PDB file of N, CA and C in Angstrom:
ATOM      1  N   MET A   1       0.780  -1.200   0.201  1.00  0.00           N
ATOM      2  CA  MET A   1       0.516  -0.056   0.313  1.00  0.00           C
ATOM      3  C   MET A   1       0.748   0.816   0.033  1.00  0.00           C
ATOM      4  N   GLN A   2       0.705   2.152  -0.554  1.00  0.00           N
ATOM      5  CA  GLN A   2       1.276   3.640  -0.450  1.00  0.00           C
ATOM      6  C   GLN A   2       1.085   4.368   0.807  1.00  0.00           C
ATOM      7  N   ARG A   3       1.678   4.984   0.651  1.00  0.00           N
ATOM      8  CA  ARG A   3       2.257   5.853   1.331  1.00  0.00           C
ATOM      9  C   ARG A   3       0.647   7.209   1.864  1.00  0.00           C
ATOM     10  N   LEU A   4      -0.043   7.387   2.906  1.00  0.00           N
ATOM     11  CA  LEU A   4      -0.885   8.342   2.319  1.00  0.00           C
ATOM     12  C   LEU A   4      -0.370   9.337   2.383  1.00  0.00           C
ATOM     13  N   LYS A   5      -1.006  10.519   1.395  1.00  0.00           N
ATOM     14  CA  LYS A   5      -1.560  11.727   1.136  1.00  0.00           C
ATOM     15  C   LYS A   5      -2.182  12.930   1.511  1.00  0.00           C
ATOM     16  N   ILE A   6      -2.041  13.860   3.158  1.00  0.00           N
ATOM     17  CA  ILE A   6      -2.970  14.487   3.545  1.00  0.00           C
ATOM     18  C   ILE A   6      -4.090  15.211   2.803  1.00  0.00           C
ATOM     19  N   ASP A   7      -3.034  16.188   2.136  1.00  0.00           N
ATOM     20  CA  ASP A   7      -3.222  17.074   0.980  1.00  0.00           C
ATOM     21  C   ASP A   7      -4.880  16.254   0.032  1.00  0.00           C
ATOM     22  N   GLN A   8      -4.574  15.006  -0.292  1.00  0.00           N
ATOM     23  CA  GLN A   8      -5.244  14.230  -1.346  1.00  0.00           C
ATOM     24  C   GLN A   8      -6.092  13.013  -1.085  1.00  0.00           C
ATOM     25  N   ASP A   9      -6.089  12.265   0.335  1.00  0.00           N
ATOM     26  CA  ASP A   9      -6.203  11.537   0.943  1.00  0.00           C
ATOM     27  C   ASP A   9      -7.224  12.027   2.116  1.00  0.00           C
ATOM     28  N   ILE A  10      -7.616  12.471   2.569  1.00  0.00           N
ATOM     29  CA  ILE A  10      -8.801  12.648   3.344  1.00  0.00           C
ATOM     30  C   ILE A  10      -9.520  13.722   2.827  1.00  0.00           C
ATOM     31  N   LYS A  11     -10.221  13.015   2.808  1.00  0.00           N
ATOM     32  CA  LYS A  11     -11.666  13.536   2.498  1.00  0.00           C
ATOM     33  C   LYS A  11     -13.097  13.641   3.306  1.00  0.00           C
ATOM     34  N   PRO A  12     -13.816  15.048   3.516  1.00  0.00           N
ATOM     35  CA  PRO A  12     -15.403  14.960   4.540  1.00  0.00           C
ATOM     36  C   PRO A  12     -16.375  13.717   3.841  1.00  0.00           C
ATOM     37  N   LEU A  13     -17.291  13.507   4.499  1.00  0.00           N
ATOM     38  CA  LEU A  13     -17.714  12.311   4.620  1.00  0.00           C
ATOM     39  C   LEU A  13     -19.144  13.133   3.140  1.00  0.00           C
ATOM     40  N   SER A  14     -20.013  14.155   2.764  1.00  0.00           N
ATOM     41  CA  SER A  14     -20.515  14.912   2.924  1.00  0.00           C
ATOM     42  C   SER A  14     -19.318  14.843   0.559  1.00  0.00           C
ATOM     43  N   GLU A  15     -18.777  15.554   0.459  1.00  0.00           N
ATOM     44  CA  GLU A  15     -17.186  14.929  -0.309  1.00  0.00           C
ATOM     45  C   GLU A  15     -17.678  13.700  -0.539  1.00  0.00           C
ATOM     46  N   VAL A  16     -17.042  12.339   0.390  1.00  0.00           N
ATOM     47  CA  VAL A  16     -17.690  11.525  -0.387  1.00  0.00           C
ATOM     48  C   VAL A  16     -18.859  11.551  -1.090  1.00  0.00           C
ATOM     49  N   ARG A  17     -19.518  11.318   0.062  1.00  0.00           N
ATOM     50  CA  ARG A  17     -21.417  11.138  -1.043  1.00  0.00           C
ATOM     51  C   ARG A  17     -21.738  11.852  -1.823  1.00  0.00           C
ATOM     52  N   THR A  18     -21.236  12.945  -2.472  1.00  0.00           N
ATOM     53  CA  THR A  18     -21.382  12.739  -3.781  1.00  0.00           C
ATOM     54  C   THR A  18     -20.315  12.647  -4.316  1.00  0.00           C
ATOM     55  N   GLY A  19     -19.594  11.797  -4.207  1.00  0.00           N
ATOM     56  CA  GLY A  19     -18.221  11.468  -5.467  1.00  0.00           C
ATOM     57  C   GLY A  19     -17.866  10.191  -5.042  1.00  0.00           C
ATOM     58  N   ILE A  20     -18.530   9.128  -5.008  1.00  0.00           N
ATOM     59  CA  ILE A  20     -17.727   7.982  -4.660  1.00  0.00           C
ATOM     60  C   ILE A  20     -16.906   7.121  -5.192  1.00  0.00           C
ATOM     61  N   ALA A  21     -18.058   7.530  -6.794  1.00  0.00           N
ATOM     62  CA  ALA A  21     -17.599   6.060  -7.848  1.00  0.00           C
ATOM     63  C   ALA A  21     -16.273   6.862  -8.169  1.00  0.00           C
ATOM     64  N   ASN A  22     -15.950   7.975  -7.828  1.00  0.00           N
ATOM     65  CA  ASN A  22     -14.045   9.183  -8.211  1.00  0.00           C
ATOM     66  C   ASN A  22     -13.597   8.846  -7.108  1.00  0.00           C
ATOM     67  N   PHE A  23     -13.357   8.481  -5.964  1.00  0.00           N
ATOM     68  CA  PHE A  23     -13.098   7.711  -4.786  1.00  0.00           C
ATOM     69  C   PHE A  23     -13.473   6.489  -5.178  1.00  0.00           C
ATOM     70  N   ILE A  24     -13.148   6.001  -5.269  1.00  0.00           N
ATOM     71  CA  ILE A  24     -13.235   3.632  -5.726  1.00  0.00           C
ATOM     72  C   ILE A  24     -12.384   4.180  -6.937  1.00  0.00           C
ATOM     73  N   LYS A  25     -11.925   5.062  -7.903  1.00  0.00           N
ATOM     74  CA  LYS A  25     -10.828   5.066  -8.780  1.00  0.00           C
ATOM     75  C   LYS A  25      -9.796   5.324  -8.058  1.00  0.00           C
ATOM     76  N   GLN A  26      -9.985   7.068  -7.279  1.00  0.00           N
ATOM     77  CA  GLN A  26      -8.549   6.996  -7.301  1.00  0.00           C
ATOM     78  C   GLN A  26      -8.026   6.457  -6.353  1.00  0.00           C
ATOM     79  N   VAL A  27      -8.799   5.341  -5.124  1.00  0.00           N
ATOM     80  CA  VAL A  27      -7.568   4.353  -4.483  1.00  0.00           C
ATOM     81  C   VAL A  27      -7.650   3.141  -5.694  1.00  0.00           C
ATOM     82  N   HIS A  28      -8.366   2.522  -5.910  1.00  0.00           N
ATOM     83  CA  HIS A  28      -8.087   1.707  -7.564  1.00  0.00           C
ATOM     84  C   HIS A  28      -7.064   2.310  -7.388  1.00  0.00           C
ATOM     85  N   ASP A  29      -7.041   3.686  -8.191  1.00  0.00           N
ATOM     86  CA  ASP A  29      -5.487   3.737  -9.474  1.00  0.00           C
ATOM     87  C   ASP A  29      -4.620   3.321  -8.982  1.00  0.00           C
ATOM     88  N   THR A  30      -4.195   4.618  -7.732  1.00  0.00           N
ATOM     89  CA  THR A  30      -3.448   5.003  -6.331  1.00  0.00           C
ATOM     90  C   THR A  30      -2.695   4.466  -5.799  1.00  0.00           C
ATOM     91  N   LYS A  31      -3.896   3.342  -5.015  1.00  0.00           N
ATOM     92  CA  LYS A  31      -3.196   2.576  -4.009  1.00  0.00           C
ATOM     93  C   LYS A  31      -3.439   2.388  -2.635  1.00  0.00           C
ATOM     94  N   ARG A  32      -4.207   4.075  -2.973  1.00  0.00           N
ATOM     95  CA  ARG A  32      -4.051   4.698  -1.175  1.00  0.00           C
ATOM     96  C   ARG A  32      -4.676   4.417  -0.413  1.00  0.00           C
ATOM     97  N   PRO A  33      -5.578   4.897   0.872  1.00  0.00           N
ATOM     98  CA  PRO A  33      -6.534   4.326   1.317  1.00  0.00           C
ATOM     99  C   PRO A  33      -7.126   6.151   1.110  1.00  0.00           C
ATOM    100  N   VAL A  34      -8.064   5.889   1.218  1.00  0.00           N
ATOM    101  CA  VAL A  34      -9.234   7.835   1.332  1.00  0.00           C
ATOM    102  C   VAL A  34      -9.453   7.315   3.150  1.00  0.00           C
ATOM    103  N   ILE A  35      -9.211   8.129   3.991  1.00  0.00           N
ATOM    104  CA  ILE A  35      -9.473   8.350   5.233  1.00  0.00           C
ATOM    105  C   ILE A  35     -10.935   9.451   4.793  1.00  0.00           C
ATOM    106  N   ILE A  36     -11.846   9.410   5.805  1.00  0.00           N
ATOM    107  CA  ILE A  36     -12.956   9.532   5.560  1.00  0.00           C
ATOM    108  C   ILE A  36     -13.567  10.983   6.879  1.00  0.00           C
ATOM    109  N   THR A  37     -13.445  11.453   6.891  1.00  0.00           N
ATOM    110  CA  THR A  37     -14.322  12.600   8.283  1.00  0.00           C
ATOM    111  C   THR A  37     -15.379  13.096   8.302  1.00  0.00           C
ATOM    112  N   GLN A  38     -15.557  13.256   9.323  1.00  0.00           N
ATOM    113  CA  GLN A  38     -16.912  13.547   9.664  1.00  0.00           C
ATOM    114  C   GLN A  38     -17.063  14.103  10.994  1.00  0.00           C
ATOM    115  N   HIS A  39     -17.232  15.747  10.875  1.00  0.00           N
ATOM    116  CA  HIS A  39     -16.986  16.655  11.985  1.00  0.00           C
ATOM    117  C   HIS A  39     -15.688  16.817  12.357  1.00  0.00           C
ATOM    118  N   GLY A  40     -14.739  16.804  11.558  1.00  0.00           N
ATOM    119  CA  GLY A  40     -12.848  16.568  11.213  1.00  0.00           C
ATOM    120  C   GLY A  40     -12.810  15.572  12.043  1.00  0.00           C
ATOM    121  N   LYS A  41     -13.094  14.935  11.885  1.00  0.00           N
ATOM    122  CA  LYS A  41     -12.991  13.529  13.075  1.00  0.00           C
ATOM    123  C   LYS A  41     -12.971  12.099  12.259  1.00  0.00           C
ATOM    124  N   GLY A  42     -11.991  11.536  11.453  1.00  0.00           N
ATOM    125  CA  GLY A  42     -11.561  10.426  10.691  1.00  0.00           C
ATOM    126  C   GLY A  42     -12.775   9.427  11.635  1.00  0.00           C
ATOM    127  N   VAL A  43     -13.657   8.678  10.844  1.00  0.00           N
ATOM    128  CA  VAL A  43     -14.795   7.029  10.901  1.00  0.00           C
ATOM    129  C   VAL A  43     -14.294   6.612   9.438  1.00  0.00           C
ATOM    130  N   ALA A  44     -13.643   6.987   8.949  1.00  0.00           N
ATOM    131  CA  ALA A  44     -13.887   5.143   8.064  1.00  0.00           C
ATOM    132  C   ALA A  44     -12.745   5.381   6.910  1.00  0.00           C
ATOM    133  N   VAL A  45     -12.079   4.390   6.709  1.00  0.00           N
ATOM    134  CA  VAL A  45     -10.768   3.888   5.749  1.00  0.00           C
ATOM    135  C   VAL A  45     -12.019   3.899   4.283  1.00  0.00           C
ATOM    136  N   LEU A  46     -11.081   3.813   3.106  1.00  0.00           N
ATOM    137  CA  LEU A  46     -11.777   3.347   1.815  1.00  0.00           C
ATOM    138  C   LEU A  46     -10.875   3.044   1.371  1.00  0.00           C
ATOM    139  N   LEU A  47     -10.558   1.561   1.278  1.00  0.00           N
ATOM    140  CA  LEU A  47      -9.254   0.764   0.921  1.00  0.00           C
ATOM    141  C   LEU A  47      -9.120   0.174   0.060  1.00  0.00           C
ATOM    142  N   ASP A  48      -8.665  -0.141  -1.134  1.00  0.00           N
ATOM    143  CA  ASP A  48      -9.174  -0.901  -2.184  1.00  0.00           C
ATOM    144  C   ASP A  48      -8.421  -2.417  -1.651  1.00  0.00           C
ATOM    145  N   ALA A  49      -9.485  -3.629  -2.674  1.00  0.00           N
ATOM    146  CA  ALA A  49     -10.309  -5.025  -1.958  1.00  0.00           C
ATOM    147  C   ALA A  49      -9.157  -5.275  -1.632  1.00  0.00           C
ATOM    148  N   TYR A  50      -7.893  -5.845  -2.774  1.00  0.00           N
ATOM    149  CA  TYR A  50      -6.282  -6.194  -2.929  1.00  0.00           C
ATOM    150  C   TYR A  50      -5.662  -5.964  -2.040  1.00  0.00           C
ATOM    151  N   GLU A  51      -5.155  -4.487  -2.417  1.00  0.00           N
ATOM    152  CA  GLU A  51      -4.557  -3.467  -1.426  1.00  0.00           C
ATOM    153  C   GLU A  51      -4.563  -4.352   0.741  1.00  0.00           C
ATOM    154  N   TYR A  52      -6.121  -4.444   0.828  1.00  0.00           N
ATOM    155  CA  TYR A  52      -7.143  -4.838   2.213  1.00  0.00           C
ATOM    156  C   TYR A  52      -6.312  -6.207   2.577  1.00  0.00           C
ATOM    157  N   GLU A  53      -7.015  -7.503   1.070  1.00  0.00           N
ATOM    158  CA  GLU A  53      -6.807  -8.410   0.902  1.00  0.00           C
ATOM    159  C   GLU A  53      -5.232  -8.708   2.170  1.00  0.00           C
ATOM    160  N   ALA A  54      -4.234  -7.579   0.883  1.00  0.00           N
ATOM    161  CA  ALA A  54      -2.927  -7.700   1.074  1.00  0.00           C
ATOM    162  C   ALA A  54      -2.254  -7.513   2.904  1.00  0.00           C
ATOM    163  N   MET A  55      -2.679  -6.667   3.214  1.00  0.00           N
ATOM    164  CA  MET A  55      -2.233  -6.531   5.064  1.00  0.00           C
ATOM    165  C   MET A  55      -2.804  -7.855   5.613  1.00  0.00           C
ATOM    166  N   GLN A  56      -4.528  -8.035   5.237  1.00  0.00           N
ATOM    167  CA  GLN A  56      -4.807  -9.144   5.646  1.00  0.00           C
ATOM    168  C   GLN A  56      -3.493 -10.392   6.227  1.00  0.00           C
ATOM    169  N   GLU A  57      -3.045 -10.682   4.889  1.00  0.00           N
ATOM    170  CA  GLU A  57      -1.837 -11.778   4.511  1.00  0.00           C
ATOM    171  C   GLU A  57      -0.657 -11.390   5.192  1.00  0.00           C
ATOM    172  N   LYS A  58      -0.073 -10.020   5.350  1.00  0.00           N
ATOM    173  CA  LYS A  58       0.639  -9.741   6.357  1.00  0.00           C
ATOM    174  C   LYS A  58       0.055  -9.741   7.914  1.00  0.00           C
ATOM    175  N   ILE A  59      -1.138  -9.065   8.353  1.00  0.00           N
ATOM    176  CA  ILE A  59      -1.585  -9.027   9.400  1.00  0.00           C
ATOM    177  C   ILE A  59      -1.419 -10.817  10.163  1.00  0.00           C
ATOM    178  N   GLU A  60      -1.799 -12.362   9.372  1.00  0.00           N
ATOM    179  CA  GLU A  60      -1.562 -12.942  10.110  1.00  0.00           C
ATOM    180  C   GLU A  60       0.043 -13.796   9.682  1.00  0.00           C
ATOM    181  N   LEU A  61       0.690 -13.153   8.671  1.00  0.00           N
ATOM    182  CA  LEU A  61       2.406 -13.794   9.160  1.00  0.00           C
ATOM    183  C   LEU A  61       2.392 -13.052  10.344  1.00  0.00           C
ATOM    184  N   LEU A  62       2.754 -12.270  10.518  1.00  0.00           N
ATOM    185  CA  LEU A  62       3.173 -11.474  12.125  1.00  0.00           C
ATOM    186  C   LEU A  62       2.926 -11.725  12.888  1.00  0.00           C
ATOM    187  N   THR A  63       0.974 -12.555  12.782  1.00  0.00           N
ATOM    188  CA  THR A  63       0.694 -12.581  14.292  1.00  0.00           C
ATOM    189  C   THR A  63       0.265 -13.848  14.307  1.00  0.00           C
ATOM    190  N   ASP A  64       1.378 -15.084  13.602  1.00  0.00           N
ATOM    191  CA  ASP A  64       2.170 -16.390  13.580  1.00  0.00           C
ATOM    192  C   ASP A  64       3.904 -15.945  13.518  1.00  0.00           C
ATOM    193  N   ILE A  65       4.296 -15.179  13.679  1.00  0.00           N
ATOM    194  CA  ILE A  65       6.077 -15.260  13.908  1.00  0.00           C
ATOM    195  C   ILE A  65       5.197 -14.682  15.562  1.00  0.00           C
ATOM    196  N   GLN A  66       4.628 -14.010  15.742  1.00  0.00           N
ATOM    197  CA  GLN A  66       4.634 -13.269  16.882  1.00  0.00           C
ATOM    198  C   GLN A  66       4.558 -14.491  17.946  1.00  0.00           C
ATOM    199  N   THR A  67       3.333 -15.593  18.074  1.00  0.00           N
ATOM    200  CA  THR A  67       2.918 -16.154  18.340  1.00  0.00           C
ATOM    201  C   THR A  67       4.417 -17.679  18.513  1.00  0.00           C
ATOM    202  N   SER A  68       4.949 -17.870  17.447  1.00  0.00           N
ATOM    203  CA  SER A  68       6.334 -19.206  17.390  1.00  0.00           C
ATOM    204  C   SER A  68       7.314 -17.578  18.452  1.00  0.00           C
ATOM    205  N   ILE A  69       7.848 -16.375  17.951  1.00  0.00           N
ATOM    206  CA  ILE A  69       8.980 -16.384  18.874  1.00  0.00           C
ATOM    207  C   ILE A  69       8.306 -16.567  20.521  1.00  0.00           C
ATOM    208  N   SER A  70       6.533 -16.669  20.647  1.00  0.00           N
ATOM    209  CA  SER A  70       6.290 -16.517  21.928  1.00  0.00           C
ATOM    210  C   SER A  70       6.450 -17.840  22.660  1.00  0.00           C
ATOM    211  N   GLN A  71       6.265 -18.524  21.778  1.00  0.00           N
ATOM    212  CA  GLN A  71       6.752 -20.400  22.053  1.00  0.00           C
ATOM    213  C   GLN A  71       7.881 -20.740  22.750  1.00  0.00           C
ATOM    214  N   LEU A  72       8.806 -19.940  21.234  1.00  0.00           N
ATOM    215  CA  LEU A  72      10.460 -20.336  21.946  1.00  0.00           C
ATOM    216  C   LEU A  72      10.957 -19.882  22.968  1.00  0.00           C
ATOM    217  N   GLU A  73      10.244 -19.159  23.576  1.00  0.00           N
ATOM    218  CA  GLU A  73      10.590 -17.344  24.598  1.00  0.00           C
ATOM    219  C   GLU A  73      10.135 -19.164  25.854  1.00  0.00           C
ATOM    220  N   LYS A  74       9.212 -18.851  25.594  1.00  0.00           N
ATOM    221  CA  LYS A  74       8.328 -20.402  26.481  1.00  0.00           C
ATOM    222  C   LYS A  74       9.157 -22.218  26.426  1.00  0.00           C
ATOM    223  N   GLY A  75       9.837 -21.950  26.303  1.00  0.00           N
ATOM    224  CA  GLY A  75      10.715 -22.992  26.002  1.00  0.00           C
ATOM    225  C   GLY A  75      10.058 -24.197  25.174  1.00  0.00           C
ATOM    226  N   GLU A  76       8.850 -23.585  24.456  1.00  0.00           N
ATOM    227  CA  GLU A  76       7.438 -25.134  23.458  1.00  0.00           C
ATOM    228  C   GLU A  76       8.443 -25.150  22.416  1.00  0.00           C
ATOM    229  N   GLY A  77       8.944 -24.596  21.846  1.00  0.00           N
ATOM    230  CA  GLY A  77       9.500 -25.216  20.620  1.00  0.00           C
ATOM    231  C   GLY A  77       9.936 -26.293  20.003  1.00  0.00           C
ATOM    232  N   ILE A  78      10.255 -26.837  19.090  1.00  0.00           N
ATOM    233  CA  ILE A  78      10.518 -28.066  18.376  1.00  0.00           C
ATOM    234  C   ILE A  78      11.829 -28.213  17.610  1.00  0.00           C
ATOM    235  N   GLY A  79      12.652 -28.807  17.912  1.00  0.00           N
ATOM    236  CA  GLY A  79      12.916 -28.893  16.192  1.00  0.00           C
ATOM    237  C   GLY A  79      13.602 -29.395  15.729  1.00  0.00           C
ATOM    238  N   HIS A  80      14.976 -28.596  14.668  1.00  0.00           N
ATOM    239  CA  HIS A  80      14.289 -28.647  13.375  1.00  0.00           C
ATOM    240  C   HIS A  80      13.475 -29.947  12.621  1.00  0.00           C
ATOM    241  N   GLU A  81      14.980 -31.009  12.633  1.00  0.00           N
ATOM    242  CA  GLU A  81      14.342 -32.118  12.080  1.00  0.00           C
ATOM    243  C   GLU A  81      13.056 -33.008  13.059  1.00  0.00           C
ATOM    244  N   ASP A  82      12.397 -32.149  13.672  1.00  0.00           N
ATOM    245  CA  ASP A  82      11.228 -33.150  14.477  1.00  0.00           C
ATOM    246  C   ASP A  82      10.410 -32.279  13.733  1.00  0.00           C
ATOM    247  N   ALA A  83      10.429 -31.006  13.412  1.00  0.00           N
ATOM    248  CA  ALA A  83       9.716 -29.865  12.242  1.00  0.00           C
ATOM    249  C   ALA A  83       9.598 -30.592  11.020  1.00  0.00           C
ATOM    250  N   LYS A  84      10.823 -30.757  10.607  1.00  0.00           N
ATOM    251  CA  LYS A  84      10.581 -31.197   9.285  1.00  0.00           C
ATOM    252  C   LYS A  84       9.973 -32.499   9.066  1.00  0.00           C
ATOM    253  N   GLU A  85      10.212 -33.232   9.987  1.00  0.00           N
ATOM    254  CA  GLU A  85       9.610 -35.022   9.628  1.00  0.00           C
ATOM    255  C   GLU A  85       8.085 -34.423  10.097  1.00  0.00           C
ATOM    256  N   LYS A  86       7.336 -33.874  10.195  1.00  0.00           N
ATOM    257  CA  LYS A  86       5.871 -33.519  10.716  1.00  0.00           C
ATOM    258  C   LYS A  86       5.231 -32.943   9.771  1.00  0.00           C
ATOM    259  N   VAL A  87       5.965 -32.176   9.311  1.00  0.00           N
ATOM    260  CA  VAL A  87       5.211 -31.077   7.549  1.00  0.00           C
ATOM    261  C   VAL A  87       5.234 -32.467   6.551  1.00  0.00           C
ATOM    262  N   LEU A  88       6.794 -32.981   7.270  1.00  0.00           N
ATOM    263  CA  LEU A  88       6.677 -33.949   6.180  1.00  0.00           C
ATOM    264  C   LEU A  88       5.765 -35.115   5.545  1.00  0.00           C
ATOM    265  N   LYS A  89       5.381 -35.537   7.205  1.00  0.00           N
ATOM    266  CA  LYS A  89       4.302 -36.868   6.981  1.00  0.00           C
ATOM    267  C   LYS A  89       2.510 -36.002   6.536  1.00  0.00           C
ATOM    268  N   ARG A  90       2.948 -35.277   6.345  1.00  0.00           N
ATOM    269  CA  ARG A  90       1.047 -33.759   5.928  1.00  0.00           C
ATOM    270  C   ARG A  90       1.286 -33.691   5.748  1.00  0.00           C
ATOM    271  N   VAL A  91       2.988 -33.590   4.151  1.00  0.00           N
ATOM    272  CA  VAL A  91       2.550 -33.562   3.235  1.00  0.00           C
ATOM    273  C   VAL A  91       2.518 -34.650   2.115  1.00  0.00           C
ATOM    274  N   LEU A  92       3.323 -35.729   2.971  1.00  0.00           N
ATOM    275  CA  LEU A  92       3.470 -36.747   1.874  1.00  0.00           C
ATOM    276  C   LEU A  92       1.697 -37.917   2.198  1.00  0.00           C
ATOM    277  N   LYS A  93       1.442 -37.242   3.229  1.00  0.00           N
ATOM    278  CA  LYS A  93      -0.112 -38.322   3.265  1.00  0.00           C
ATOM    279  C   LYS A  93      -1.290 -38.107   1.883  1.00  0.00           C
TER     280      LYS A  93
END
């Protein structure tokens, strides 16, 4: 996802309501989200569907990594050879 450009990507709800198709095109073309404000406060984010999916995948990966680190710190990890054996058993079934 591209970095937000404050002067272009923060829009009031009233403006988004009247030109939603243009904002959807903008999000798709730029790969940047649009922050929607109401009464001067951010209330929603319009995001390209593929960018959202990529974010979800990254979050899942980072969550798995954090879980693994926590398990290793608690001494709950398994050795490389044991892990390899378990993976091969699953793959070869």
